[in-house]
C-alpha cells in the first residue's frame, strides 16, 4: 500500500513536470472520466471532452464527444490520439467529425495493455489548439 502511494506520487510529479516543460503543448492533470466530462483550457479555447458509456473501459466501443469554444477557425474534422504515457504503442486514433456548432463526435476503442496498466492519455491533434492532452484511467 505504501509502495502504491509512492508510485502515485511519482506519477503526479512526472505529469506536473511534463506540464512545465511542454512549452506550447497543454497537458491537464489526471482526469476522472468515470465521473463526467473533463474540461481544459488551451489558449483562449475551452475544451470539454466526454466519453460514453461510463465507466470508461478498455476494449469497448466508446463515443468521444468534444466541445471547443470558440471554434470559428477549426476544421470540420479533428483527430484524437490515444496513447499510454511512457509506453510505445501502435497508433490508435479516433476521427471526430463536426456534428453541430462547436461540437465534434466519433467512435473508437481504447486498447487493453498487457501489463494491466490503466493510465491513458488523449491528445487532440490540432495546430490551432496546440495539441492539448489530458490523462485518465480506464477500467478493465
N, C-alpha and C. Protein backbone atom coordinates (compact mmCIF):
# COMPACT_ATOMS: atom_id res chain seq x y z
N UNK A 1 0.82 -1.19 0.00
CA UNK A 1 0.00 0.00 0.00
C UNK A 1 0.87 1.27 0.00
N UNK A 2 1.94 1.26 0.81
CA UNK A 2 2.84 2.41 0.86
C UNK A 2 3.53 2.57 -0.49
N UNK A 3 3.95 1.45 -1.08
CA UNK A 3 4.59 1.48 -2.39
C UNK A 3 3.66 2.08 -3.44
N UNK A 4 2.39 1.74 -3.40
CA UNK A 4 1.41 2.27 -4.37
C UNK A 4 1.28 3.78 -4.21
N UNK A 5 1.29 4.27 -2.97
CA UNK A 5 1.22 5.72 -2.75
C UNK A 5 2.46 6.42 -3.32
N UNK A 6 3.61 5.79 -3.16
CA UNK A 6 4.84 6.36 -3.71
C UNK A 6 4.78 6.40 -5.23
N UNK A 7 4.26 5.35 -5.84
CA UNK A 7 4.12 5.31 -7.30
C UNK A 7 3.17 6.42 -7.76
N UNK A 8 2.05 6.58 -7.08
CA UNK A 8 1.09 7.64 -7.44
C UNK A 8 1.70 9.02 -7.27
N UNK A 9 2.50 9.19 -6.22
CA UNK A 9 3.17 10.49 -6.02
C UNK A 9 4.18 10.75 -7.14
N UNK A 10 4.92 9.73 -7.53
CA UNK A 10 5.87 9.88 -8.64
C UNK A 10 5.14 10.18 -9.94
N UNK A 11 4.02 9.51 -10.17
CA UNK A 11 3.25 9.75 -11.39
C UNK A 11 2.78 11.20 -11.43
N UNK A 12 2.26 11.70 -10.31
CA UNK A 12 1.81 13.09 -10.25
C UNK A 12 2.97 14.04 -10.50
N UNK A 13 4.15 13.73 -9.93
CA UNK A 13 5.33 14.55 -10.14
C UNK A 13 5.71 14.61 -11.62
N UNK A 14 5.76 13.44 -12.28
CA UNK A 14 6.15 13.41 -13.69
C UNK A 14 5.12 14.10 -14.58
N UNK A 15 3.82 13.94 -14.27
CA UNK A 15 2.81 14.65 -15.05
C UNK A 15 2.96 16.16 -14.88
N UNK A 16 3.26 16.60 -13.66
CA UNK A 16 3.49 18.03 -13.43
C UNK A 16 4.72 18.51 -14.18
N UNK A 17 5.78 17.71 -14.17
CA UNK A 17 6.99 18.08 -14.89
C UNK A 17 6.73 18.17 -16.38
N UNK A 18 5.96 17.24 -16.92
CA UNK A 18 5.61 17.30 -18.33
C UNK A 18 4.85 18.58 -18.65
N UNK A 19 3.95 18.98 -17.77
CA UNK A 19 3.18 20.20 -17.97
C UNK A 19 4.12 21.40 -18.02
N UNK A 20 5.11 21.43 -17.14
CA UNK A 20 6.01 22.58 -17.07
C UNK A 20 6.95 22.65 -18.26
N UNK A 21 7.42 21.50 -18.77
CA UNK A 21 8.39 21.52 -19.86
C UNK A 21 7.74 21.39 -21.24
N UNK A 22 6.43 21.26 -21.27
CA UNK A 22 5.77 21.00 -22.55
C UNK A 22 5.69 22.22 -23.45
N UNK A 23 6.05 23.41 -22.95
CA UNK A 23 6.03 24.61 -23.79
C UNK A 23 4.62 24.96 -24.22
N UNK A 24 4.38 24.96 -25.54
CA UNK A 24 3.08 25.35 -26.05
C UNK A 24 2.05 24.24 -25.94
N UNK A 25 2.49 23.05 -25.60
CA UNK A 25 1.57 21.93 -25.52
C UNK A 25 0.92 21.89 -24.15
N UNK A 26 -0.38 21.94 -24.10
CA UNK A 26 -1.11 21.97 -22.84
C UNK A 26 -1.41 20.55 -22.39
N UNK A 27 -1.12 20.27 -21.15
CA UNK A 27 -1.43 18.96 -20.61
C UNK A 27 -2.14 19.15 -19.28
N UNK A 28 -3.32 18.63 -19.16
CA UNK A 28 -4.10 18.79 -17.94
C UNK A 28 -3.71 17.72 -16.93
N UNK A 29 -4.12 17.94 -15.69
CA UNK A 29 -3.88 16.93 -14.67
C UNK A 29 -4.73 15.69 -14.98
N UNK A 30 -4.48 14.64 -14.24
CA UNK A 30 -5.22 13.41 -14.45
C UNK A 30 -6.71 13.66 -14.21
N UNK A 31 -7.54 13.19 -15.12
CA UNK A 31 -8.97 13.45 -15.07
C UNK A 31 -9.73 12.19 -14.70
N UNK A 32 -10.89 12.36 -14.11
CA UNK A 32 -11.74 11.22 -13.77
C UNK A 32 -12.86 11.14 -14.80
N UNK A 33 -12.61 10.45 -15.90
CA UNK A 33 -13.59 10.30 -16.97
C UNK A 33 -14.81 9.51 -16.53
N UNK A 34 -14.70 8.77 -15.43
CA UNK A 34 -15.82 7.96 -14.96
C UNK A 34 -16.89 8.81 -14.29
N UNK A 35 -16.51 10.01 -13.85
CA UNK A 35 -17.44 10.92 -13.18
C UNK A 35 -18.23 11.76 -14.16
N UNK A 36 -17.64 12.13 -15.27
CA UNK A 36 -18.30 13.00 -16.23
C UNK A 36 -17.30 13.60 -17.19
N UNK A 37 -17.72 14.60 -17.92
CA UNK A 37 -16.87 15.25 -18.91
C UNK A 37 -15.75 16.01 -18.21
N UNK A 38 -14.61 16.15 -18.91
CA UNK A 38 -13.46 16.88 -18.39
C UNK A 38 -13.23 18.12 -19.25
N UNK A 39 -12.94 19.23 -18.61
CA UNK A 39 -12.75 20.50 -19.30
C UNK A 39 -11.34 21.01 -19.04
N UNK A 40 -10.68 21.46 -20.13
CA UNK A 40 -9.36 22.06 -20.03
C UNK A 40 -9.35 23.35 -20.84
N UNK A 41 -8.36 24.21 -20.58
CA UNK A 41 -8.17 25.44 -21.35
C UNK A 41 -6.96 25.26 -22.24
N UNK A 42 -7.08 25.72 -23.48
CA UNK A 42 -5.97 25.72 -24.43
C UNK A 42 -5.96 27.09 -25.09
N UNK A 43 -5.08 27.96 -24.63
CA UNK A 43 -5.08 29.34 -25.12
C UNK A 43 -6.39 30.01 -24.75
N UNK A 44 -7.08 30.56 -25.76
CA UNK A 44 -8.39 31.18 -25.49
C UNK A 44 -9.54 30.20 -25.73
N UNK A 45 -9.23 28.91 -25.92
CA UNK A 45 -10.25 27.89 -26.15
C UNK A 45 -10.57 27.14 -24.87
N UNK A 46 -11.84 26.82 -24.69
CA UNK A 46 -12.28 25.93 -23.62
C UNK A 46 -12.69 24.63 -24.29
N UNK A 47 -12.08 23.53 -23.85
CA UNK A 47 -12.29 22.23 -24.48
C UNK A 47 -12.91 21.29 -23.45
N UNK A 48 -14.03 20.68 -23.83
CA UNK A 48 -14.68 19.71 -22.97
C UNK A 48 -14.74 18.38 -23.70
N UNK A 49 -14.18 17.34 -23.06
CA UNK A 49 -14.15 16.00 -23.63
C UNK A 49 -14.99 15.08 -22.76
N UNK A 50 -15.85 14.30 -23.41
CA UNK A 50 -16.65 13.31 -22.71
C UNK A 50 -16.51 11.98 -23.42
N UNK A 51 -16.57 10.89 -22.66
CA UNK A 51 -16.53 9.54 -23.20
C UNK A 51 -17.71 8.76 -22.65
N UNK A 52 -18.41 8.08 -23.52
CA UNK A 52 -19.57 7.25 -23.12
C UNK A 52 -19.43 5.89 -23.75
N UNK A 53 -19.84 4.82 -23.13
CA UNK A 53 -20.52 4.73 -21.84
C UNK A 53 -19.53 4.81 -20.67
N UNK A 54 -20.08 5.03 -19.52
CA UNK A 54 -19.31 5.09 -18.29
C UNK A 54 -19.62 3.85 -17.46
N UNK A 55 -18.70 3.31 -16.71
CA UNK A 55 -17.31 3.71 -16.63
C UNK A 55 -16.58 3.43 -17.95
N UNK A 56 -15.52 4.19 -18.20
CA UNK A 56 -14.74 4.05 -19.42
C UNK A 56 -13.88 2.79 -19.28
N UNK A 57 -14.10 1.83 -20.19
CA UNK A 57 -13.39 0.55 -20.13
C UNK A 57 -12.61 0.30 -21.40
N UNK A 58 -11.53 -0.46 -21.24
CA UNK A 58 -10.73 -0.88 -22.39
C UNK A 58 -11.50 -1.92 -23.19
N UNK A 59 -11.25 -1.95 -24.49
CA UNK A 59 -11.79 -2.94 -25.42
C UNK A 59 -13.31 -2.86 -25.59
N UNK A 60 -13.89 -1.73 -25.31
CA UNK A 60 -15.32 -1.46 -25.55
C UNK A 60 -15.43 -0.25 -26.46
N UNK A 61 -16.40 -0.27 -27.36
CA UNK A 61 -16.58 0.90 -28.23
C UNK A 61 -17.02 2.10 -27.39
N UNK A 62 -16.34 3.20 -27.62
CA UNK A 62 -16.58 4.43 -26.86
C UNK A 62 -16.94 5.54 -27.82
N UNK A 63 -17.92 6.34 -27.44
CA UNK A 63 -18.26 7.55 -28.18
C UNK A 63 -17.52 8.71 -27.52
N UNK A 64 -16.68 9.36 -28.30
CA UNK A 64 -15.91 10.51 -27.84
C UNK A 64 -16.62 11.77 -28.31
N UNK A 65 -16.98 12.64 -27.38
CA UNK A 65 -17.65 13.90 -27.68
C UNK A 65 -16.76 15.05 -27.25
N UNK A 66 -16.58 16.01 -28.13
CA UNK A 66 -15.68 17.13 -27.88
C UNK A 66 -16.40 18.43 -28.20
N UNK A 67 -16.36 19.36 -27.26
CA UNK A 67 -16.89 20.70 -27.47
C UNK A 67 -15.74 21.68 -27.33
N UNK A 68 -15.56 22.55 -28.33
CA UNK A 68 -14.49 23.54 -28.33
C UNK A 68 -15.12 24.91 -28.52
N UNK A 69 -14.86 25.82 -27.57
CA UNK A 69 -15.42 27.17 -27.65
C UNK A 69 -14.28 28.16 -27.46
N UNK A 70 -14.07 29.11 -28.34
CA UNK A 70 -14.72 29.31 -29.64
C UNK A 70 -14.15 28.31 -30.67
N UNK A 71 -14.89 28.11 -31.74
CA UNK A 71 -14.48 27.10 -32.73
C UNK A 71 -14.48 27.65 -34.15
N UNK A 72 -14.53 28.96 -34.31
CA UNK A 72 -14.70 29.56 -35.64
C UNK A 72 -13.56 29.25 -36.61
N UNK A 73 -12.34 28.97 -36.15
CA UNK A 73 -11.23 28.71 -37.07
C UNK A 73 -10.84 27.24 -37.12
N UNK A 74 -11.66 26.36 -36.58
CA UNK A 74 -11.33 24.94 -36.56
C UNK A 74 -11.89 24.23 -37.79
N UNK A 75 -11.23 23.15 -38.22
CA UNK A 75 -11.72 22.39 -39.37
C UNK A 75 -12.96 21.58 -39.01
N UNK A 76 -13.56 20.94 -40.01
CA UNK A 76 -14.75 20.12 -39.79
C UNK A 76 -14.42 18.76 -39.18
N UNK A 77 -13.13 18.40 -39.16
CA UNK A 77 -12.72 17.12 -38.58
C UNK A 77 -11.50 17.35 -37.68
N UNK A 78 -11.50 16.67 -36.54
CA UNK A 78 -10.37 16.69 -35.63
C UNK A 78 -9.97 15.24 -35.35
N UNK A 79 -8.74 15.04 -34.93
CA UNK A 79 -8.24 13.70 -34.63
C UNK A 79 -7.82 13.62 -33.17
N UNK A 80 -8.25 12.55 -32.49
CA UNK A 80 -7.78 12.26 -31.15
C UNK A 80 -6.73 11.17 -31.24
N UNK A 81 -5.66 11.31 -30.49
CA UNK A 81 -4.63 10.29 -30.42
C UNK A 81 -4.69 9.69 -29.02
N UNK A 82 -4.91 8.37 -28.95
CA UNK A 82 -4.99 7.66 -27.68
C UNK A 82 -3.69 6.92 -27.45
N UNK A 83 -3.06 7.15 -26.30
CA UNK A 83 -1.77 6.54 -26.02
C UNK A 83 -1.64 6.24 -24.54
N UNK A 84 -0.48 5.69 -24.18
CA UNK A 84 -0.14 5.43 -22.77
C UNK A 84 1.14 6.20 -22.46
N UNK A 85 1.13 7.05 -21.44
CA UNK A 85 2.36 7.76 -21.07
C UNK A 85 3.48 6.77 -20.73
N UNK A 86 4.65 6.99 -21.33
CA UNK A 86 5.80 6.17 -21.02
C UNK A 86 5.86 4.82 -21.69
N UNK A 87 4.95 4.54 -22.62
CA UNK A 87 4.97 3.25 -23.31
C UNK A 87 4.69 3.45 -24.79
N UNK A 88 5.51 2.83 -25.63
CA UNK A 88 5.29 2.88 -27.06
C UNK A 88 4.19 1.89 -27.42
N UNK A 89 3.17 2.38 -28.08
CA UNK A 89 2.08 1.52 -28.53
C UNK A 89 1.87 1.78 -30.01
N UNK A 90 1.11 0.93 -30.65
CA UNK A 90 0.73 1.20 -32.02
C UNK A 90 -0.18 2.42 -32.08
N UNK A 91 -0.31 2.98 -33.26
CA UNK A 91 -1.14 4.17 -33.43
C UNK A 91 -2.61 3.81 -33.17
N UNK A 92 -3.25 4.60 -32.33
CA UNK A 92 -4.68 4.44 -32.02
C UNK A 92 -5.30 5.83 -32.07
N UNK A 93 -5.96 6.14 -33.18
CA UNK A 93 -6.53 7.47 -33.36
C UNK A 93 -8.02 7.37 -33.67
N UNK A 94 -8.73 8.39 -33.25
CA UNK A 94 -10.18 8.47 -33.44
C UNK A 94 -10.49 9.74 -34.21
N UNK A 95 -11.17 9.60 -35.34
CA UNK A 95 -11.59 10.75 -36.14
C UNK A 95 -12.88 11.32 -35.56
N UNK A 96 -12.85 12.62 -35.27
CA UNK A 96 -14.04 13.31 -34.78
C UNK A 96 -14.56 14.21 -35.89
N UNK A 97 -15.85 14.12 -36.16
CA UNK A 97 -16.48 14.96 -37.18
C UNK A 97 -17.38 15.97 -36.52
N UNK A 98 -17.42 17.16 -37.11
CA UNK A 98 -18.26 18.24 -36.58
C UNK A 98 -19.72 17.86 -36.78
N UNK A 99 -20.48 17.82 -35.68
CA UNK A 99 -21.89 17.44 -35.71
C UNK A 99 -22.81 18.63 -35.49
N UNK A 100 -22.27 19.71 -35.01
CA UNK A 100 -23.04 20.91 -34.74
C UNK A 100 -22.08 22.04 -34.42
N UNK A 101 -22.62 23.17 -34.05
CA UNK A 101 -21.79 24.32 -33.72
C UNK A 101 -20.85 23.97 -32.58
N UNK A 102 -19.56 23.92 -32.86
CA UNK A 102 -18.51 23.68 -31.88
C UNK A 102 -18.55 22.28 -31.25
N UNK A 103 -19.29 21.34 -31.81
CA UNK A 103 -19.44 20.00 -31.25
C UNK A 103 -18.94 18.95 -32.23
N UNK A 104 -18.03 18.09 -31.75
CA UNK A 104 -17.44 17.03 -32.55
C UNK A 104 -17.73 15.68 -31.90
N UNK A 105 -17.82 14.63 -32.73
CA UNK A 105 -18.09 13.31 -32.18
C UNK A 105 -17.47 12.23 -33.05
N UNK A 106 -17.05 11.13 -32.42
CA UNK A 106 -16.50 9.99 -33.13
C UNK A 106 -16.48 8.78 -32.22
N UNK A 107 -16.25 7.59 -32.80
CA UNK A 107 -16.23 6.35 -32.04
C UNK A 107 -14.88 5.69 -32.16
N UNK A 108 -14.45 5.04 -31.09
CA UNK A 108 -13.18 4.33 -31.08
C UNK A 108 -13.09 3.38 -29.91
N UNK A 109 -11.95 2.70 -29.82
CA UNK A 109 -11.71 1.72 -28.77
C UNK A 109 -10.38 2.03 -28.10
N UNK A 110 -10.36 1.96 -26.79
CA UNK A 110 -9.13 2.09 -26.02
C UNK A 110 -8.61 0.67 -25.82
N UNK A 111 -7.40 0.42 -26.32
CA UNK A 111 -6.87 -0.95 -26.25
C UNK A 111 -6.40 -1.28 -24.83
N UNK A 112 -6.46 -2.56 -24.53
CA UNK A 112 -6.03 -3.06 -23.22
C UNK A 112 -4.52 -3.24 -23.25
N UNK A 113 -3.89 -2.92 -22.15
CA UNK A 113 -2.45 -3.08 -22.01
C UNK A 113 -2.15 -4.45 -21.41
N UNK A 114 -1.19 -5.15 -22.00
CA UNK A 114 -0.81 -6.47 -21.49
C UNK A 114 -0.29 -6.41 -20.06
N UNK A 115 0.30 -5.26 -19.68
CA UNK A 115 0.83 -5.12 -18.32
C UNK A 115 -0.25 -4.75 -17.32
N UNK A 116 -1.48 -4.57 -17.81
CA UNK A 116 -2.65 -4.22 -16.98
C UNK A 116 -2.57 -2.80 -16.43
N UNK A 117 -1.68 -1.96 -16.99
CA UNK A 117 -1.65 -0.55 -16.60
C UNK A 117 -2.90 0.13 -17.12
N UNK A 118 -3.41 1.08 -16.38
CA UNK A 118 -4.67 1.71 -16.75
C UNK A 118 -4.55 3.17 -17.16
N UNK A 119 -3.41 3.80 -16.91
CA UNK A 119 -3.26 5.22 -17.23
C UNK A 119 -3.17 5.40 -18.74
N UNK A 120 -4.00 6.28 -19.28
CA UNK A 120 -4.01 6.59 -20.72
C UNK A 120 -3.91 8.10 -20.90
N UNK A 121 -3.57 8.48 -22.12
CA UNK A 121 -3.50 9.90 -22.48
C UNK A 121 -4.24 10.10 -23.78
N UNK A 122 -5.04 11.14 -23.84
CA UNK A 122 -5.71 11.51 -25.09
C UNK A 122 -5.20 12.89 -25.48
N UNK A 123 -4.77 13.01 -26.76
CA UNK A 123 -4.26 14.26 -27.29
C UNK A 123 -5.12 14.67 -28.47
N UNK A 124 -5.56 15.92 -28.49
CA UNK A 124 -6.32 16.45 -29.62
C UNK A 124 -5.29 16.98 -30.61
N UNK A 125 -5.20 16.32 -31.76
CA UNK A 125 -4.21 16.71 -32.76
C UNK A 125 -4.75 17.88 -33.57
N UNK A 126 -4.31 19.08 -33.21
CA UNK A 126 -4.78 20.30 -33.85
C UNK A 126 -3.75 21.41 -33.66
N UNK A 127 -3.23 21.92 -34.77
CA UNK A 127 -2.29 23.03 -34.69
C UNK A 127 -2.95 24.26 -34.08
N UNK A 128 -4.22 24.48 -34.42
CA UNK A 128 -4.94 25.65 -33.92
C UNK A 128 -5.07 25.61 -32.39
N UNK A 129 -5.25 24.41 -31.84
CA UNK A 129 -5.42 24.25 -30.39
C UNK A 129 -4.09 23.96 -29.69
N UNK A 130 -3.01 23.76 -30.45
CA UNK A 130 -1.68 23.46 -29.94
C UNK A 130 -1.61 22.09 -29.25
N UNK A 131 -2.35 21.11 -29.77
CA UNK A 131 -2.30 19.71 -29.33
C UNK A 131 -2.47 19.50 -27.83
N UNK A 132 -3.56 19.97 -27.25
CA UNK A 132 -3.76 19.77 -25.80
C UNK A 132 -4.01 18.29 -25.50
N UNK A 133 -3.66 17.89 -24.28
CA UNK A 133 -3.87 16.49 -23.89
C UNK A 133 -4.28 16.42 -22.43
N UNK A 134 -4.85 15.29 -22.08
CA UNK A 134 -5.18 15.01 -20.70
C UNK A 134 -5.03 13.52 -20.46
N UNK A 135 -4.81 13.15 -19.21
CA UNK A 135 -4.66 11.75 -18.88
C UNK A 135 -5.83 11.30 -18.02
N UNK A 136 -6.07 10.00 -18.07
CA UNK A 136 -7.18 9.41 -17.33
C UNK A 136 -6.90 7.93 -17.16
N UNK A 137 -7.62 7.29 -16.29
CA UNK A 137 -7.50 5.85 -16.09
C UNK A 137 -8.72 5.15 -16.69
N UNK A 138 -8.46 4.00 -17.29
CA UNK A 138 -9.55 3.16 -17.80
C UNK A 138 -9.78 2.05 -16.79
N UNK A 139 -10.92 1.44 -16.89
CA UNK A 139 -11.22 0.28 -16.05
C UNK A 139 -11.17 -0.97 -16.91
N UNK A 140 -10.80 -2.06 -16.30
CA UNK A 140 -10.70 -3.33 -17.03
C UNK A 140 -12.05 -3.95 -17.24
